[in-house]
């Protein structure tokens, strides 16, 4: 795949992701985050596979960036979900 095509796909994915997330209301964001952790796991596995099969430095750099961002997103989703579930627990005596 051409490096310019890879960069174009990456930039389009960033814009689409921003638009999709910005349209979700804040009250729905936390429950949706917990459901999206599985999707982030699939993205992380895909980025690792792309990194393994990369032939140029650009492909490797973009796939490493995708691995880092997907990991941060996945861990953040678990943290937010954990905090949300803590709100529903009763007070411990």
PDB file of N, CA and C in Angstrom:
ATOM      1  N   UNK A   1       0.844  -1.176   0.000  1.00  0.00           N
ATOM      2  CA  UNK A   1       0.000   0.000   0.000  1.00  0.00           C
ATOM      3  C   UNK A   1       0.890   1.241   0.000  1.00  0.00           C
ATOM      4  N   UNK A   2       0.468   2.231  -0.719  1.00  0.00           N
ATOM      5  CA  UNK A   2       1.256   3.458  -0.805  1.00  0.00           C
ATOM      6  C   UNK A   2       1.241   4.219   0.513  1.00  0.00           C
ATOM      7  N   UNK A   3       2.347   4.869   0.834  1.00  0.00           N
ATOM      8  CA  UNK A   3       2.389   5.643   2.088  1.00  0.00           C
ATOM      9  C   UNK A   3       1.342   6.760   2.128  1.00  0.00           C
ATOM     10  N   UNK A   4       1.079   7.391   0.996  1.00  0.00           N
ATOM     11  CA  UNK A   4       0.094   8.473   0.976  1.00  0.00           C
ATOM     12  C   UNK A   4      -1.306   7.939   1.253  1.00  0.00           C
ATOM     13  N   UNK A   5      -1.613   6.748   0.769  1.00  0.00           N
ATOM     14  CA  UNK A   5      -2.919   6.146   1.032  1.00  0.00           C
ATOM     15  C   UNK A   5      -3.063   5.811   2.509  1.00  0.00           C
ATOM     16  N   UNK A   6      -1.988   5.340   3.112  1.00  0.00           N
ATOM     17  CA  UNK A   6      -2.015   5.005   4.542  1.00  0.00           C
ATOM     18  C   UNK A   6      -2.243   6.265   5.372  1.00  0.00           C
ATOM     19  N   UNK A   7      -1.550   7.339   5.041  1.00  0.00           N
ATOM     20  CA  UNK A   7      -1.718   8.601   5.769  1.00  0.00           C
ATOM     21  C   UNK A   7      -3.136   9.133   5.563  1.00  0.00           C
ATOM     22  N   UNK A   8      -3.669   9.022   4.352  1.00  0.00           N
ATOM     23  CA  UNK A   8      -5.035   9.491   4.071  1.00  0.00           C
ATOM     24  C   UNK A   8      -6.058   8.725   4.900  1.00  0.00           C
ATOM     25  N   UNK A   9      -5.917   7.409   4.970  1.00  0.00           N
ATOM     26  CA  UNK A   9      -6.832   6.589   5.767  1.00  0.00           C
ATOM     27  C   UNK A   9      -6.727   6.957   7.239  1.00  0.00           C
ATOM     28  N   UNK A  10      -5.513   7.177   7.719  1.00  0.00           N
ATOM     29  CA  UNK A  10      -5.303   7.546   9.119  1.00  0.00           C
ATOM     30  C   UNK A  10      -5.965   8.884   9.443  1.00  0.00           C
ATOM     31  N   UNK A  11      -5.781   9.881   8.575  1.00  0.00           N
ATOM     32  CA  UNK A  11      -6.359  11.210   8.808  1.00  0.00           C
ATOM     33  C   UNK A  11      -7.883  11.138   8.750  1.00  0.00           C
ATOM     34  N   UNK A  12      -8.428  10.413   7.782  1.00  0.00           N
ATOM     35  CA  UNK A  12      -9.881  10.262   7.702  1.00  0.00           C
ATOM     36  C   UNK A  12     -10.441   9.560   8.929  1.00  0.00           C
ATOM     37  N   UNK A  13      -9.738   8.539   9.431  1.00  0.00           N
ATOM     38  CA  UNK A  13     -10.189   7.836  10.626  1.00  0.00           C
ATOM     39  C   UNK A  13     -10.195   8.756  11.841  1.00  0.00           C
ATOM     40  N   UNK A  14      -9.207   9.638  11.935  1.00  0.00           N
ATOM     41  CA  UNK A  14      -9.167  10.595  13.043  1.00  0.00           C
ATOM     42  C   UNK A  14     -10.374  11.528  12.973  1.00  0.00           C
ATOM     43  N   UNK A  15     -10.672  12.075  11.795  1.00  0.00           N
ATOM     44  CA  UNK A  15     -11.802  12.993  11.658  1.00  0.00           C
ATOM     45  C   UNK A  15     -13.136  12.289  11.923  1.00  0.00           C
ATOM     46  N   UNK A  16     -13.315  11.097  11.375  1.00  0.00           N
ATOM     47  CA  UNK A  16     -14.566  10.363  11.586  1.00  0.00           C
ATOM     48  C   UNK A  16     -14.730  10.013  13.061  1.00  0.00           C
ATOM     49  N   UNK A  17     -13.653   9.548  13.699  1.00  0.00           N
ATOM     50  CA  UNK A  17     -13.717   9.217  15.119  1.00  0.00           C
ATOM     51  C   UNK A  17     -14.075  10.416  15.965  1.00  0.00           C
ATOM     52  N   UNK A  18     -13.495  11.565  15.667  1.00  0.00           N
ATOM     53  CA  UNK A  18     -13.800  12.780  16.424  1.00  0.00           C
ATOM     54  C   UNK A  18     -15.261  13.168  16.254  1.00  0.00           C
ATOM     55  N   UNK A  19     -15.766  13.120  15.029  1.00  0.00           N
ATOM     56  CA  UNK A  19     -17.157  13.492  14.781  1.00  0.00           C
ATOM     57  C   UNK A  19     -18.120  12.545  15.483  1.00  0.00           C
ATOM     58  N   UNK A  20     -17.838  11.255  15.453  1.00  0.00           N
ATOM     59  CA  UNK A  20     -18.729  10.282  16.086  1.00  0.00           C
ATOM     60  C   UNK A  20     -18.754  10.489  17.597  1.00  0.00           C
ATOM     61  N   UNK A  21     -17.590  10.645  18.218  1.00  0.00           N
ATOM     62  CA  UNK A  21     -17.526  10.788  19.674  1.00  0.00           C
ATOM     63  C   UNK A  21     -18.100  12.125  20.113  1.00  0.00           C
ATOM     64  N   UNK A  22     -17.891  13.169  19.356  1.00  0.00           N
ATOM     65  CA  UNK A  22     -18.382  14.483  19.777  1.00  0.00           C
ATOM     66  C   UNK A  22     -19.905  14.587  19.694  1.00  0.00           C
ATOM     67  N   UNK A  23     -20.552  13.735  18.937  1.00  0.00           N
ATOM     68  CA  UNK A  23     -22.011  13.771  18.824  1.00  0.00           C
ATOM     69  C   UNK A  23     -22.711  13.008  19.950  1.00  0.00           C
ATOM     70  N   UNK A  24     -21.993  12.252  20.744  1.00  0.00           N
ATOM     71  CA  UNK A  24     -22.589  11.473  21.831  1.00  0.00           C
ATOM     72  C   UNK A  24     -22.729  12.377  23.052  1.00  0.00           C
ATOM     73  N   UNK A  25     -23.915  12.352  23.669  1.00  0.00           N
ATOM     74  CA  UNK A  25     -24.118  13.187  24.856  1.00  0.00           C
ATOM     75  C   UNK A  25     -23.301  12.632  26.025  1.00  0.00           C
ATOM     76  N   UNK A  26     -23.004  13.479  26.986  1.00  0.00           N
ATOM     77  CA  UNK A  26     -22.142  13.072  28.100  1.00  0.00           C
ATOM     78  C   UNK A  26     -22.803  12.018  28.977  1.00  0.00           C
ATOM     79  N   UNK A  27     -24.127  11.989  29.042  1.00  0.00           N
ATOM     80  CA  UNK A  27     -24.789  10.973  29.863  1.00  0.00           C
ATOM     81  C   UNK A  27     -24.709   9.584  29.228  1.00  0.00           C
ATOM     82  N   UNK A  28     -24.581   9.518  27.938  1.00  0.00           N
ATOM     83  CA  UNK A  28     -24.452   8.226  27.259  1.00  0.00           C
ATOM     84  C   UNK A  28     -23.007   7.798  27.067  1.00  0.00           C
ATOM     85  N   UNK A  29     -22.084   8.719  27.247  1.00  0.00           N
ATOM     86  CA  UNK A  29     -20.693   8.421  26.924  1.00  0.00           C
ATOM     87  C   UNK A  29     -20.111   7.316  27.807  1.00  0.00           C
ATOM     88  N   UNK A  30     -20.381   7.351  29.114  1.00  0.00           N
ATOM     89  CA  UNK A  30     -19.797   6.353  30.018  1.00  0.00           C
ATOM     90  C   UNK A  30     -20.319   4.945  29.738  1.00  0.00           C
ATOM     91  N   UNK A  31     -21.629   4.726  29.607  1.00  0.00           N
ATOM     92  CA  UNK A  31     -22.084   3.366  29.266  1.00  0.00           C
ATOM     93  C   UNK A  31     -21.580   2.887  27.907  1.00  0.00           C
ATOM     94  N   UNK A  32     -21.500   3.789  26.942  1.00  0.00           N
ATOM     95  CA  UNK A  32     -20.999   3.395  25.633  1.00  0.00           C
ATOM     96  C   UNK A  32     -19.510   3.062  25.680  1.00  0.00           C
ATOM     97  N   UNK A  33     -18.776   3.716  26.594  1.00  0.00           N
ATOM     98  CA  UNK A  33     -17.354   3.450  26.724  1.00  0.00           C
ATOM     99  C   UNK A  33     -17.113   2.007  27.155  1.00  0.00           C
ATOM    100  N   UNK A  34     -17.934   1.512  28.066  1.00  0.00           N
ATOM    101  CA  UNK A  34     -17.733   0.141  28.526  1.00  0.00           C
ATOM    102  C   UNK A  34     -18.010  -0.857  27.402  1.00  0.00           C
ATOM    103  N   UNK A  35     -18.986  -0.567  26.559  1.00  0.00           N
ATOM    104  CA  UNK A  35     -19.270  -1.454  25.434  1.00  0.00           C
ATOM    105  C   UNK A  35     -18.233  -1.348  24.330  1.00  0.00           C
ATOM    106  N   UNK A  36     -17.568  -0.208  24.236  1.00  0.00           N
ATOM    107  CA  UNK A  36     -16.584   0.002  23.178  1.00  0.00           C
ATOM    108  C   UNK A  36     -15.225  -0.607  23.501  1.00  0.00           C
ATOM    109  N   UNK A  37     -15.022  -1.078  24.726  1.00  0.00           N
ATOM    110  CA  UNK A  37     -13.730  -1.675  25.072  1.00  0.00           C
ATOM    111  C   UNK A  37     -13.410  -2.897  24.210  1.00  0.00           C
ATOM    112  N   UNK A  38     -14.422  -3.671  23.863  1.00  0.00           N
ATOM    113  CA  UNK A  38     -14.193  -4.828  22.994  1.00  0.00           C
ATOM    114  C   UNK A  38     -13.744  -4.376  21.605  1.00  0.00           C
ATOM    115  N   UNK A  39     -14.335  -3.300  21.104  1.00  0.00           N
ATOM    116  CA  UNK A  39     -13.936  -2.775  19.799  1.00  0.00           C
ATOM    117  C   UNK A  39     -12.500  -2.270  19.852  1.00  0.00           C
ATOM    118  N   UNK A  40     -12.121  -1.615  20.950  1.00  0.00           N
ATOM    119  CA  UNK A  40     -10.753  -1.133  21.084  1.00  0.00           C
ATOM    120  C   UNK A  40      -9.768  -2.293  21.152  1.00  0.00           C
ATOM    121  N   UNK A  41     -10.198  -3.397  21.745  1.00  0.00           N
ATOM    122  CA  UNK A  41      -9.346  -4.586  21.764  1.00  0.00           C
ATOM    123  C   UNK A  41      -9.101  -5.126  20.362  1.00  0.00           C
ATOM    124  N   UNK A  42     -10.132  -5.115  19.527  1.00  0.00           N
ATOM    125  CA  UNK A  42      -9.986  -5.568  18.142  1.00  0.00           C
ATOM    126  C   UNK A  42      -9.068  -4.621  17.373  1.00  0.00           C
ATOM    127  N   UNK A  43      -9.217  -3.316  17.610  1.00  0.00           N
ATOM    128  CA  UNK A  43      -8.349  -2.333  16.960  1.00  0.00           C
ATOM    129  C   UNK A  43      -6.903  -2.545  17.387  1.00  0.00           C
ATOM    130  N   UNK A  44      -6.707  -2.828  18.660  1.00  0.00           N
ATOM    131  CA  UNK A  44      -5.354  -3.057  19.165  1.00  0.00           C
ATOM    132  C   UNK A  44      -4.726  -4.286  18.519  1.00  0.00           C
ATOM    133  N   UNK A  45      -5.475  -5.363  18.402  1.00  0.00           N
ATOM    134  CA  UNK A  45      -4.952  -6.574  17.754  1.00  0.00           C
ATOM    135  C   UNK A  45      -4.650  -6.303  16.282  1.00  0.00           C
ATOM    136  N   UNK A  46      -5.522  -5.566  15.605  1.00  0.00           N
ATOM    137  CA  UNK A  46      -5.285  -5.219  14.204  1.00  0.00           C
ATOM    138  C   UNK A  46      -4.043  -4.364  14.029  1.00  0.00           C
ATOM    139  N   UNK A  47      -3.835  -3.414  14.930  1.00  0.00           N
ATOM    140  CA  UNK A  47      -2.644  -2.566  14.845  1.00  0.00           C
ATOM    141  C   UNK A  47      -1.375  -3.373  15.079  1.00  0.00           C
ATOM    142  N   UNK A  48      -1.446  -4.341  15.976  1.00  0.00           N
ATOM    143  CA  UNK A  48      -0.279  -5.200  16.220  1.00  0.00           C
ATOM    144  C   UNK A  48       0.032  -6.042  14.982  1.00  0.00           C
ATOM    145  N   UNK A  49      -1.009  -6.546  14.329  1.00  0.00           N
ATOM    146  CA  UNK A  49      -0.803  -7.335  13.101  1.00  0.00           C
ATOM    147  C   UNK A  49      -0.210  -6.463  12.002  1.00  0.00           C
ATOM    148  N   UNK A  50      -0.708  -5.238  11.861  1.00  0.00           N
ATOM    149  CA  UNK A  50      -0.169  -4.324  10.845  1.00  0.00           C
ATOM    150  C   UNK A  50       1.292  -4.000  11.155  1.00  0.00           C
ATOM    151  N   UNK A  51       1.614  -3.791  12.428  1.00  0.00           N
ATOM    152  CA  UNK A  51       3.000  -3.497  12.810  1.00  0.00           C
ATOM    153  C   UNK A  51       3.911  -4.658  12.461  1.00  0.00           C
ATOM    154  N   UNK A  52       3.416  -5.871  12.621  1.00  0.00           N
ATOM    155  CA  UNK A  52       4.220  -7.050  12.306  1.00  0.00           C
ATOM    156  C   UNK A  52       4.463  -7.181  10.807  1.00  0.00           C
ATOM    157  N   UNK A  53       3.515  -6.746   9.990  1.00  0.00           N
ATOM    158  CA  UNK A  53       3.635  -6.899   8.536  1.00  0.00           C
ATOM    159  C   UNK A  53       4.065  -5.617   7.834  1.00  0.00           C
ATOM    160  N   UNK A  54       4.482  -4.603   8.596  1.00  0.00           N
ATOM    161  CA  UNK A  54       4.847  -3.334   7.965  1.00  0.00           C
ATOM    162  C   UNK A  54       6.166  -3.464   7.212  1.00  0.00           C
ATOM    163  N   UNK A  55       6.231  -2.771   6.068  1.00  0.00           N
ATOM    164  CA  UNK A  55       7.425  -2.852   5.244  1.00  0.00           C
ATOM    165  C   UNK A  55       8.192  -1.528   5.183  1.00  0.00           C
ATOM    166  N   UNK A  56       7.552  -0.445   5.564  1.00  0.00           N
ATOM    167  CA  UNK A  56       8.232   0.851   5.552  1.00  0.00           C
ATOM    168  C   UNK A  56       8.200   1.454   6.952  1.00  0.00           C
ATOM    169  N   UNK A  57       9.028   2.458   7.153  1.00  0.00           N
ATOM    170  CA  UNK A  57       9.060   3.129   8.448  1.00  0.00           C
ATOM    171  C   UNK A  57       7.766   3.885   8.716  1.00  0.00           C
ATOM    172  N   UNK A  58       7.128   4.403   7.666  1.00  0.00           N
ATOM    173  CA  UNK A  58       5.867   5.114   7.838  1.00  0.00           C
ATOM    174  C   UNK A  58       4.782   4.167   8.342  1.00  0.00           C
ATOM    175  N   UNK A  59       4.684   2.991   7.734  1.00  0.00           N
ATOM    176  CA  UNK A  59       3.706   2.005   8.188  1.00  0.00           C
ATOM    177  C   UNK A  59       3.972   1.600   9.627  1.00  0.00           C
ATOM    178  N   UNK A  60       5.224   1.375   9.959  1.00  0.00           N
ATOM    179  CA  UNK A  60       5.569   0.987  11.323  1.00  0.00           C
ATOM    180  C   UNK A  60       5.247   2.110  12.305  1.00  0.00           C
ATOM    181  N   UNK A  61       5.571   3.346  11.945  1.00  0.00           N
ATOM    182  CA  UNK A  61       5.297   4.476  12.826  1.00  0.00           C
ATOM    183  C   UNK A  61       3.808   4.680  13.072  1.00  0.00           C
ATOM    184  N   UNK A  62       3.009   4.589  12.003  1.00  0.00           N
ATOM    185  CA  UNK A  62       1.569   4.752  12.163  1.00  0.00           C
ATOM    186  C   UNK A  62       0.957   3.610  12.951  1.00  0.00           C
ATOM    187  N   UNK A  63       1.448   2.395  12.732  1.00  0.00           N
ATOM    188  CA  UNK A  63       0.902   1.272  13.484  1.00  0.00           C
ATOM    189  C   UNK A  63       1.300   1.337  14.959  1.00  0.00           C
ATOM    190  N   UNK A  64       2.503   1.803  15.254  1.00  0.00           N
ATOM    191  CA  UNK A  64       2.903   1.982  16.656  1.00  0.00           C
ATOM    192  C   UNK A  64       2.056   3.077  17.298  1.00  0.00           C
ATOM    193  N   UNK A  65       1.781   4.147  16.557  1.00  0.00           N
ATOM    194  CA  UNK A  65       0.905   5.206  17.076  1.00  0.00           C
ATOM    195  C   UNK A  65      -0.499   4.654  17.340  1.00  0.00           C
ATOM    196  N   UNK A  66      -0.984   3.808  16.440  1.00  0.00           N
ATOM    197  CA  UNK A  66      -2.299   3.193  16.633  1.00  0.00           C
ATOM    198  C   UNK A  66      -2.300   2.275  17.850  1.00  0.00           C
ATOM    199  N   UNK A  67      -1.208   1.540  18.051  1.00  0.00           N
ATOM    200  CA  UNK A  67      -1.107   0.662  19.223  1.00  0.00           C
ATOM    201  C   UNK A  67      -1.149   1.486  20.508  1.00  0.00           C
ATOM    202  N   UNK A  68      -0.392   2.566  20.539  1.00  0.00           N
ATOM    203  CA  UNK A  68      -0.345   3.408  21.739  1.00  0.00           C
ATOM    204  C   UNK A  68      -1.709   4.036  22.010  1.00  0.00           C
ATOM    205  N   UNK A  69      -2.332   4.604  20.982  1.00  0.00           N
ATOM    206  CA  UNK A  69      -3.621   5.262  21.169  1.00  0.00           C
ATOM    207  C   UNK A  69      -4.726   4.273  21.535  1.00  0.00           C
ATOM    208  N   UNK A  70      -4.734   3.106  20.903  1.00  0.00           N
ATOM    209  CA  UNK A  70      -5.752   2.098  21.234  1.00  0.00           C
ATOM    210  C   UNK A  70      -5.569   1.587  22.657  1.00  0.00           C
ATOM    211  N   UNK A  71      -4.312   1.448  23.088  1.00  0.00           N
ATOM    212  CA  UNK A  71      -4.060   1.004  24.461  1.00  0.00           C
ATOM    213  C   UNK A  71      -4.539   2.041  25.464  1.00  0.00           C
ATOM    214  N   UNK A  72      -4.222   3.308  25.217  1.00  0.00           N
ATOM    215  CA  UNK A  72      -4.673   4.373  26.111  1.00  0.00           C
ATOM    216  C   UNK A  72      -6.197   4.416  26.149  1.00  0.00           C
ATOM    217  N   UNK A  73      -6.823   4.292  25.006  1.00  0.00           N
ATOM    218  CA  UNK A  73      -8.276   4.337  24.922  1.00  0.00           C
ATOM    219  C   UNK A  73      -8.915   3.154  25.651  1.00  0.00           C
ATOM    220  N   UNK A  74      -8.330   1.975  25.492  1.00  0.00           N
ATOM    221  CA  UNK A  74      -8.877   0.786  26.133  1.00  0.00           C
ATOM    222  C   UNK A  74      -8.725   0.853  27.648  1.00  0.00           C
ATOM    223  N   UNK A  75      -7.554   1.233  28.128  1.00  0.00           N
ATOM    224  CA  UNK A  75      -7.328   1.351  29.568  1.00  0.00           C
ATOM    225  C   UNK A  75      -8.220   2.446  30.148  1.00  0.00           C
ATOM    226  N   UNK A  76      -8.321   3.572  29.463  1.00  0.00           N
ATOM    227  CA  UNK A  76      -9.196   4.641  29.918  1.00  0.00           C
ATOM    228  C   UNK A  76     -10.648   4.200  29.989  1.00  0.00           C
ATOM    229  N   UNK A  77     -11.070   3.391  29.035  1.00  0.00           N
ATOM    230  CA  UNK A  77     -12.436   2.871  29.058  1.00  0.00           C
ATOM    231  C   UNK A  77     -12.691   1.992  30.262  1.00  0.00           C
ATOM    232  N   UNK A  78     -11.709   1.151  30.600  1.00  0.00           N
ATOM    233  CA  UNK A  78     -11.867   0.317  31.783  1.00  0.00           C
ATOM    234  C   UNK A  78     -11.889   1.149  33.063  1.00  0.00           C
ATOM    235  N   UNK A  79     -11.073   2.193  33.127  1.00  0.00           N
ATOM    236  CA  UNK A  79     -11.043   3.055  34.312  1.00  0.00           C
ATOM    237  C   UNK A  79     -12.372   3.786  34.465  1.00  0.00           C
ATOM    238  N   UNK A  80     -12.888   4.325  33.373  1.00  0.00           N
ATOM    239  CA  UNK A  80     -14.167   5.036  33.427  1.00  0.00           C
ATOM    240  C   UNK A  80     -15.295   4.079  33.814  1.00  0.00           C
ATOM    241  N   UNK A  81     -15.287   2.876  33.252  1.00  0.00           N
ATOM    242  CA  UNK A  81     -16.305   1.891  33.585  1.00  0.00           C
ATOM    243  C   UNK A  81     -16.232   1.510  35.060  1.00  0.00           C
ATOM    244  N   UNK A  82     -15.028   1.331  35.572  1.00  0.00           N
ATOM    245  CA  UNK A  82     -14.864   0.994  36.983  1.00  0.00           C
ATOM    246  C   UNK A  82     -15.386   2.109  37.879  1.00  0.00           C
ATOM    247  N   UNK A  83     -15.085   3.348  37.535  1.00  0.00           N
ATOM    248  CA  UNK A  83     -15.580   4.484  38.323  1.00  0.00           C
ATOM    249  C   UNK A  83     -17.105   4.567  38.256  1.00  0.00           C
ATOM    250  N   UNK A  84     -17.662   4.268  37.092  1.00  0.00           N
ATOM    251  CA  UNK A  84     -19.117   4.301  36.953  1.00  0.00           C
ATOM    252  C   UNK A  84     -19.758   3.228  37.827  1.00  0.00           C
ATOM    253  N   UNK A  85     -19.185   2.035  37.832  1.00  0.00           N
ATOM    254  CA  UNK A  85     -19.741   0.956  38.645  1.00  0.00           C
ATOM    255  C   UNK A  85     -19.584   1.226  40.130  1.00  0.00           C
ATOM    256  N   UNK A  86     -18.532   1.923  40.531  1.00  0.00           N
ATOM    257  CA  UNK A  86     -18.336   2.292  41.938  1.00  0.00           C
ATOM    258  C   UNK A  86     -19.443   3.227  42.411  1.00  0.00           C
ATOM    259  N   UNK A  87     -19.991   4.039  41.513  1.00  0.00           N
ATOM    260  CA  UNK A  87     -21.064   4.974  41.904  1.00  0.00           C
ATOM    261  C   UNK A  87     -22.332   4.242  42.307  1.00  0.00           C
ATOM    262  N   UNK A  88     -22.542   3.044  41.765  1.00  0.00           N
ATOM    263  CA  UNK A  88     -23.768   2.306  42.032  1.00  0.00           C
ATOM    264  C   UNK A  88     -23.652   1.383  43.237  1.00  0.00           C
ATOM    265  N   UNK A  89     -22.485   1.236  43.805  1.00  0.00           N
ATOM    266  CA  UNK A  89     -22.319   0.416  44.998  1.00  0.00           C
ATOM    267  C   UNK A  89     -22.764   1.216  46.218  1.00  0.00           C
ATOM    268  N   UNK A  90     -23.317   0.518  47.174  1.00  0.00           N
ATOM    269  CA  UNK A  90     -23.747   1.177  48.404  1.00  0.00           C
ATOM    270  C   UNK A  90     -22.560   1.498  49.286  1.00  0.00           C
ATOM    271  N   UNK A  91     -22.815   2.280  50.327  1.00  0.00           N
ATOM    272  CA  UNK A  91     -21.766   2.616  51.284  1.00  0.00           C
ATOM    273  C   UNK A  91     -21.392   1.401  52.112  1.00  0.00           C
ATOM    274  N   UNK A  92     -20.116   1.144  52.256  1.00  0.00           N
ATOM    275  CA  UNK A  92     -19.632   0.033  53.064  1.00  0.00           C
ATOM    276  C   UNK A  92     -19.504   0.469  54.515  1.00  0.00           C
ATOM    277  N   UNK A  93     -19.920  -0.383  55.418  1.00  0.00           N
ATOM    278  CA  UNK A  93     -19.836  -0.042  56.833  1.00  0.00           C
ATOM    279  C   UNK A  93     -18.707  -0.775  57.500  1.00  0.00           C
TER     280      UNK A  93
END
